[in-house]
C-alpha atoms as a PDB file:
ATOM      1  CA  MET A   1     -44.456 164.076  41.595  1.00  0.00           C
ATOM      2  CA  GLU A   2     -42.326 161.252  42.948  1.00  0.00           C
ATOM      3  CA  SER A   3     -40.722 163.508  45.535  1.00  0.00           C
ATOM      4  CA  ALA A   4     -44.132 164.641  46.792  1.00  0.00           C
ATOM      5  CA  SER A   5     -45.270 161.075  47.446  1.00  0.00           C
ATOM      6  CA  GLN A   6     -41.971 160.242  49.114  1.00  0.00           C
ATOM      7  CA  GLY A   7     -42.430 163.211  51.431  1.00  0.00           C
ATOM      8  CA  LEU A   8     -45.855 161.967  52.484  1.00  0.00           C
ATOM      9  CA  LEU A   9     -44.577 158.477  53.014  1.00  0.00           C
ATOM     10  CA  SER A  10     -41.566 159.558  55.022  1.00  0.00           C
ATOM     11  CA  ASP A  11     -43.711 161.840  57.226  1.00  0.00           C
ATOM     12  CA  ALA A  12     -46.176 159.046  57.943  1.00  0.00           C
ATOM     13  CA  MET A  13     -43.488 156.494  58.707  1.00  0.00           C
ATOM     14  CA  THR A  14     -41.414 158.497  61.180  1.00  0.00           C
ATOM     15  CA  ASP A  15     -43.400 157.204  64.152  1.00  0.00           C
ATOM     16  CA  VAL A  16     -43.158 153.538  63.132  1.00  0.00           C
ATOM     17  CA  PRO A  17     -39.854 151.872  64.115  1.00  0.00           C
ATOM     18  CA  VAL A  18     -38.513 149.445  61.551  1.00  0.00           C
ATOM     19  CA  ASP A  19     -35.963 147.808  63.816  1.00  0.00           C
ATOM     20  CA  SER A  20     -36.293 148.331  67.546  1.00  0.00           C
ATOM     21  CA  ALA A  21     -32.562 148.095  68.216  1.00  0.00           C
ATOM     22  CA  ALA A  22     -31.690 150.521  65.431  1.00  0.00           C
ATOM     23  CA  SER A  23     -34.440 152.977  66.337  1.00  0.00           C
ATOM     24  CA  ALA A  24     -33.474 152.803  69.998  1.00  0.00           C
ATOM     25  CA  ARG A  25     -29.955 153.918  69.174  1.00  0.00           C
ATOM     26  CA  THR A  26     -30.835 156.575  66.644  1.00  0.00           C
ATOM     27  CA  ALA A  27     -33.578 158.661  68.263  1.00  0.00           C
ATOM     28  CA  ALA A  28     -33.878 159.353  71.975  1.00  0.00           C
ATOM     29  CA  PRO A  29     -37.258 160.617  73.163  1.00  0.00           C
ATOM     30  CA  GLU A  30     -37.383 164.320  73.813  1.00  0.00           C
ATOM     31  CA  GLY A  31     -36.186 165.384  77.253  1.00  0.00           C
ATOM     32  CA  LEU A  32     -34.305 162.131  78.017  1.00  0.00           C
ATOM     33  CA  THR A  33     -30.599 161.634  78.104  1.00  0.00           C
ATOM     34  CA  LEU A  34     -29.072 158.465  76.710  1.00  0.00           C
ATOM     35  CA  ALA A  35     -28.422 157.214  80.251  1.00  0.00           C
ATOM     36  CA  GLU A  36     -32.080 157.780  81.261  1.00  0.00           C
ATOM     37  CA  GLU A  37     -33.253 156.052  78.112  1.00  0.00           C
ATOM     38  CA  GLU A  38     -31.014 153.041  78.798  1.00  0.00           C
ATOM     39  CA  GLU A  39     -32.289 152.853  82.372  1.00  0.00           C
ATOM     40  CA  LEU A  40     -35.943 152.954  81.203  1.00  0.00           C
ATOM     41  CA  ARG A  41     -35.294 150.294  78.562  1.00  0.00           C
ATOM     42  CA  SER A  42     -33.623 148.074  81.156  1.00  0.00           C
ATOM     43  CA  GLU A  43     -36.552 148.526  83.532  1.00  0.00           C
ATOM     44  CA  LEU A  44     -39.004 147.772  80.679  1.00  0.00           C
ATOM     45  CA  ALA A  45     -37.147 144.537  79.883  1.00  0.00           C
ATOM     46  CA  LYS A  46     -37.275 143.502  83.562  1.00  0.00           C
ATOM     47  CA  VAL A  47     -41.018 144.244  83.820  1.00  0.00           C
ATOM     48  CA  GLU A  48     -41.726 142.287  80.617  1.00  0.00           C
ATOM     49  CA  GLU A  49     -39.698 139.371  81.983  1.00  0.00           C
ATOM     50  CA  GLU A  50     -41.638 139.498  85.276  1.00  0.00           C
ATOM     51  CA  ILE A  51     -44.915 139.486  83.350  1.00  0.00           C
ATOM     52  CA  GLY A  52     -43.810 136.336  81.502  1.00  0.00           C
ATOM     53  CA  THR A  53     -42.813 134.691  84.778  1.00  0.00           C
ATOM     54  CA  LEU A  54     -46.127 135.602  86.394  1.00  0.00           C
ATOM     55  CA  ARG A  55     -47.992 134.132  83.418  1.00  0.00           C
ATOM     56  CA  GLN A  56     -46.085 130.863  83.851  1.00  0.00           C
ATOM     57  CA  VAL A  57     -46.778 130.812  87.600  1.00  0.00           C
ATOM     58  CA  LEU A  58     -50.475 131.547  86.990  1.00  0.00           C
ATOM     59  CA  ALA A  59     -50.716 128.743  84.422  1.00  0.00           C
ATOM     60  CA  ALA A  60     -49.092 126.333  86.896  1.00  0.00           C
ATOM     61  CA  LYS A  61     -51.479 127.433  89.672  1.00  0.00           C
ATOM     62  CA  GLU A  62     -54.483 126.964  87.344  1.00  0.00           C
ATOM     63  CA  ARG A  63     -53.306 123.438  86.470  1.00  0.00           C
ATOM     64  CA  HIS A  64     -52.856 122.631  90.169  1.00  0.00           C
ATOM     65  CA  CYS A  65     -56.319 124.050  90.947  1.00  0.00           C
ATOM     66  CA  GLY A  66     -57.816 121.879  88.186  1.00  0.00           C
ATOM     67  CA  GLU A  67     -56.112 118.786  89.600  1.00  0.00           C
ATOM     68  CA  LEU A  68     -57.407 119.503  93.101  1.00  0.00           C
ATOM     69  CA  LYS A  69     -60.957 120.014  91.803  1.00  0.00           C
ATOM     70  CA  ARG A  70     -60.727 116.761  89.833  1.00  0.00           C
ATOM     71  CA  LYS A  71     -59.546 114.871  92.927  1.00  0.00           C
ATOM     72  CA  LEU A  72     -62.419 116.361  94.946  1.00  0.00           C
ATOM     73  CA  GLY A  73     -64.907 115.364  92.257  1.00  0.00           C
ATOM     74  CA  LEU A  74     -65.853 118.933  91.454  1.00  0.00           C
ATOM     75  CA  THR A  75     -66.883 119.306  87.837  1.00  0.00           C
ATOM     76  CA  PRO A  76     -66.945 122.464  85.770  1.00  0.00           C
ATOM     77  CA  LEU A  77     -70.743 122.203  85.925  1.00  0.00           C
ATOM     78  CA  ASP A  78     -70.597 122.410  89.737  1.00  0.00           C
ATOM     79  CA  GLY A  79     -68.514 125.548  89.458  1.00  0.00           C
ATOM     80  CA  LEU A  80     -70.936 127.009  86.948  1.00  0.00           C
ATOM     81  CA  LYS A  81     -73.896 126.207  89.218  1.00  0.00           C
ATOM     82  CA  GLN A  82     -72.143 127.846  92.155  1.00  0.00           C
ATOM     83  CA  ASN A  83     -71.274 130.932  90.096  1.00  0.00           C
ATOM     84  CA  LEU A  84     -74.831 131.240  88.792  1.00  0.00           C
ATOM     85  CA  SER A  85     -76.271 130.812  92.276  1.00  0.00           C
ATOM     86  CA  LYS A  86     -73.980 133.480  93.674  1.00  0.00           C
ATOM     87  CA  SER A  87     -74.698 135.802  90.751  1.00  0.00           C
ATOM     88  CA  TRP A  88     -78.468 135.346  91.182  1.00  0.00           C
ATOM     89  CA  HIS A  89     -78.131 136.072  94.899  1.00  0.00           C
ATOM     90  CA  ASP A  90     -76.102 139.200  94.118  1.00  0.00           C
ATOM     91  CA  VAL A  91     -78.794 140.330  91.677  1.00  0.00           C
ATOM     92  CA  GLN A  92     -81.552 139.742  94.233  1.00  0.00           C
ATOM     93  CA  VAL A  93     -79.847 141.822  96.902  1.00  0.00           C
ATOM     94  CA  SER A  94     -79.046 144.667  94.500  1.00  0.00           C
ATOM     95  CA  ASN A  95     -80.936 147.930  94.844  1.00  0.00           C
ATOM     96  CA  ALA A  96     -81.970 147.854  91.177  1.00  0.00           C
ATOM     97  CA  TYR A  97     -83.610 144.439  91.589  1.00  0.00           C
ATOM     98  CA  LYS A  98     -85.396 145.492  94.764  1.00  0.00           C
ATOM     99  CA  LYS A  99     -86.721 148.657  93.128  1.00  0.00           C
ATOM    100  CA  THR A 100     -87.833 146.740  90.039  1.00  0.00           C
ATOM    101  CA  GLN A 101     -89.538 144.090  92.166  1.00  0.00           C
ATOM    102  CA  GLU A 102     -91.324 146.771  94.196  1.00  0.00           C
ATOM    103  CA  THR A 103     -92.441 148.604  91.046  1.00  0.00           C
ATOM    104  CA  LEU A 104     -93.735 145.413  89.438  1.00  0.00           C
ATOM    105  CA  SER A 105     -95.559 144.466  92.634  1.00  0.00           C
ATOM    106  CA  GLN A 106     -97.267 147.867  92.718  1.00  0.00           C
ATOM    107  CA  ALA A 107     -98.129 147.576  89.027  1.00  0.00           C
ATOM    108  CA  GLY A 108     -99.634 144.125  89.653  1.00  0.00           C
ATOM    109  CA  GLN A 109    -101.737 145.445  92.522  1.00  0.00           C
ATOM    110  CA  LYS A 110    -102.974 148.357  90.422  1.00  0.00           C
ATOM    111  CA  THR A 111    -103.761 146.046  87.507  1.00  0.00           C
ATOM    112  CA  SER A 112    -105.640 143.682  89.809  1.00  0.00           C
ATOM    113  CA  ALA A 113    -107.664 146.575  91.238  1.00  0.00           C
ATOM    114  CA  ALA A 114    -108.427 147.891  87.741  1.00  0.00           C
ATOM    115  CA  LEU A 115    -109.568 144.452  86.536  1.00  0.00           C
ATOM    116  CA  SER A 116    -111.712 144.053  89.641  1.00  0.00           C
ATOM    117  CA  ASN A 117    -113.344 147.401  88.908  1.00  0.00           C
ATOM    118  CA  VAL A 118    -113.934 146.393  85.292  1.00  0.00           C
ATOM    119  CA  GLY A 119    -115.539 143.136  86.464  1.00  0.00           C
ATOM    120  CA  SER A 120    -117.805 145.020  88.863  1.00  0.00           C
ATOM    121  CA  VAL A 121    -118.860 147.444  86.146  1.00  0.00           C
ATOM    122  CA  ILE A 122    -119.600 144.603  83.717  1.00  0.00           C
ATOM    123  CA  SER A 123    -121.624 142.722  86.369  1.00  0.00           C
ATOM    124  CA  ARG A 124    -123.591 145.846  87.197  1.00  0.00           C
ATOM    125  CA  LYS A 125    -124.250 146.593  83.505  1.00  0.00           C
ATOM    126  CA  LEU A 126    -125.372 143.008  82.858  1.00  0.00           C
ATOM    127  CA  GLY A 127    -127.683 143.236  85.898  1.00  0.00           C
ATOM    128  CA  ASP A 128    -129.066 146.515  84.595  1.00  0.00           C
ATOM    129  CA  MET A 129    -129.547 144.988  81.172  1.00  0.00           C
ATOM    130  CA  ARG A 130    -131.338 141.950  82.602  1.00  0.00           C
ATOM    131  CA  ASN A 131    -133.739 144.189  84.472  1.00  0.00           C
ATOM    132  CA  SER A 132    -134.459 146.285  81.366  1.00  0.00           C
ATOM    133  CA  ALA A 133    -137.808 146.133  79.605  1.00  0.00           C
ATOM    134  CA  THR A 134    -136.191 144.941  76.371  1.00  0.00           C
ATOM    135  CA  PHE A 135    -134.533 141.982  78.036  1.00  0.00           C
ATOM    136  CA  LYS A 136    -137.724 141.085  79.945  1.00  0.00           C
ATOM    137  CA  SER A 137    -139.655 141.145  76.666  1.00  0.00           C
ATOM    138  CA  PHE A 138    -137.010 138.966  74.988  1.00  0.00           C
ATOM    139  CA  GLU A 139    -136.984 136.574  77.967  1.00  0.00           C
ATOM    140  CA  ASP A 140    -140.763 136.280  77.864  1.00  0.00           C
ATOM    141  CA  ARG A 141    -140.723 135.485  74.146  1.00  0.00           C
ATOM    142  CA  VAL A 142    -138.039 132.810  74.573  1.00  0.00           C
ATOM    143  CA  GLY A 143    -140.022 131.316  77.444  1.00  0.00           C
ATOM    144  CA  THR A 144    -143.177 131.234  75.318  1.00  0.00           C
ATOM    145  CA  ILE A 145    -141.376 129.560  72.418  1.00  0.00           C
ATOM    146  CA  LYS A 146    -139.814 127.039  74.791  1.00  0.00           C
ATOM    147  CA  SER A 147    -143.132 126.152  76.356  1.00  0.00           C
ATOM    148  CA  ARG A 148    -144.686 125.677  72.930  1.00  0.00           C
ATOM    149  CA  VAL A 149    -141.854 123.375  71.804  1.00  0.00           C
ATOM    150  CA  VAL A 150    -141.727 121.372  75.037  1.00  0.00           C
ATOM    151  CA  GLY A 151    -145.486 121.281  75.299  1.00  0.00           C
ATOM    152  CA  SER A 152    -145.874 119.981  71.739  1.00  0.00           C
ATOM    153  CA  ARG A 153    -143.365 117.194  72.424  1.00  0.00           C
ATOM    154  CA  GLU A 154    -145.104 116.081  75.554  1.00  0.00           C
ATOM    155  CA  ASN A 155    -148.440 115.993  73.778  1.00  0.00           C
ATOM    156  CA  SER A 156    -147.020 114.358  70.673  1.00  0.00           C
ATOM    157  CA  THR A 157    -148.255 110.841  69.823  1.00  0.00           C
ATOM    158  CA  ASP A 158    -146.452 110.363  66.547  1.00  0.00           C
ATOM    159  CA  GLY A 159    -143.426 108.591  68.142  1.00  0.00           C
ATOM    160  CA  LEU A 160    -140.946 111.489  68.175  1.00  0.00           C
ATOM    161  CA  HIS A 161    -138.243 111.016  70.747  1.00  0.00           C
ATOM    162  CA  SER A 162    -136.131 113.483  72.628  1.00  0.00           C
ATOM    163  CA  PRO A 163    -132.659 114.078  71.187  1.00  0.00           C
ATOM    164  CA  SER A 164    -130.921 112.630  74.232  1.00  0.00           C
ATOM    165  CA  GLY A 165    -132.879 109.416  74.134  1.00  0.00           C
ATOM    166  CA  ALA A 166    -132.664 109.148  77.917  1.00  0.00           C
ATOM    167  CA  GLY A 167    -135.373 106.896  79.339  1.00  0.00           C
ATOM    168  CA  ASP A 168    -136.861 106.216  75.902  1.00  0.00           C
ATOM    169  CA  LYS A 169    -137.263 102.731  74.555  1.00  0.00           C
ATOM    170  CA  PRO A 170    -136.352 102.148  70.939  1.00  0.00           C
ATOM    171  CA  PRO A 171    -139.407 101.524  68.720  1.00  0.00           C
ATOM    172  CA  GLN A 172    -140.143  97.882  68.117  1.00  0.00           C
ATOM    173  CA  ASP A 173    -140.083  96.682  64.589  1.00  0.00           C
ATOM    174  CA  ASN A 174    -143.190  94.546  64.056  1.00  0.00           C
ATOM    175  CA  ALA A 175    -142.715  94.254  60.313  1.00  0.00           C
ATOM    176  CA  PRO A 176    -143.405  90.767  58.917  1.00  0.00           C
ATOM    177  CA  PHE A 177    -140.227  90.614  56.899  1.00  0.00           C
END
């Protein structure tokens, strides 16, 4: 059983180098001679060194850029505002934005027309209802009740006052006490 697990482990670990120098010397990739492999490794080392150098140069340029912005009084917020403004402009001139804006404008016009039609229908139906016999009968009854109530107040002599009290004088208290 131990040999079976060792076989699995050794198969899985063949692709993982333990020591890069030792693995570089022991197994050359298929189809490459040792000279080609050495040349590729040398070129890889040079490219990695150039990448490190470029990172250092970029960091120095970023520091210099930050110093110049500080001397000019430009804050990170100014840069953010400028980036947002440019991004918003880019969005507005994009075809997707224009199509969306056009679609929403058409939808708004259609909605406005539909609501206008609904308003017209409601107005017409209310007009029809007001001219109906039922409404006329109801209106007549309300008018009759109103005239009875208003008429009884005007003819009243028992000192009742209107709820608003406008133009009314408060009753005088002639009590002896």
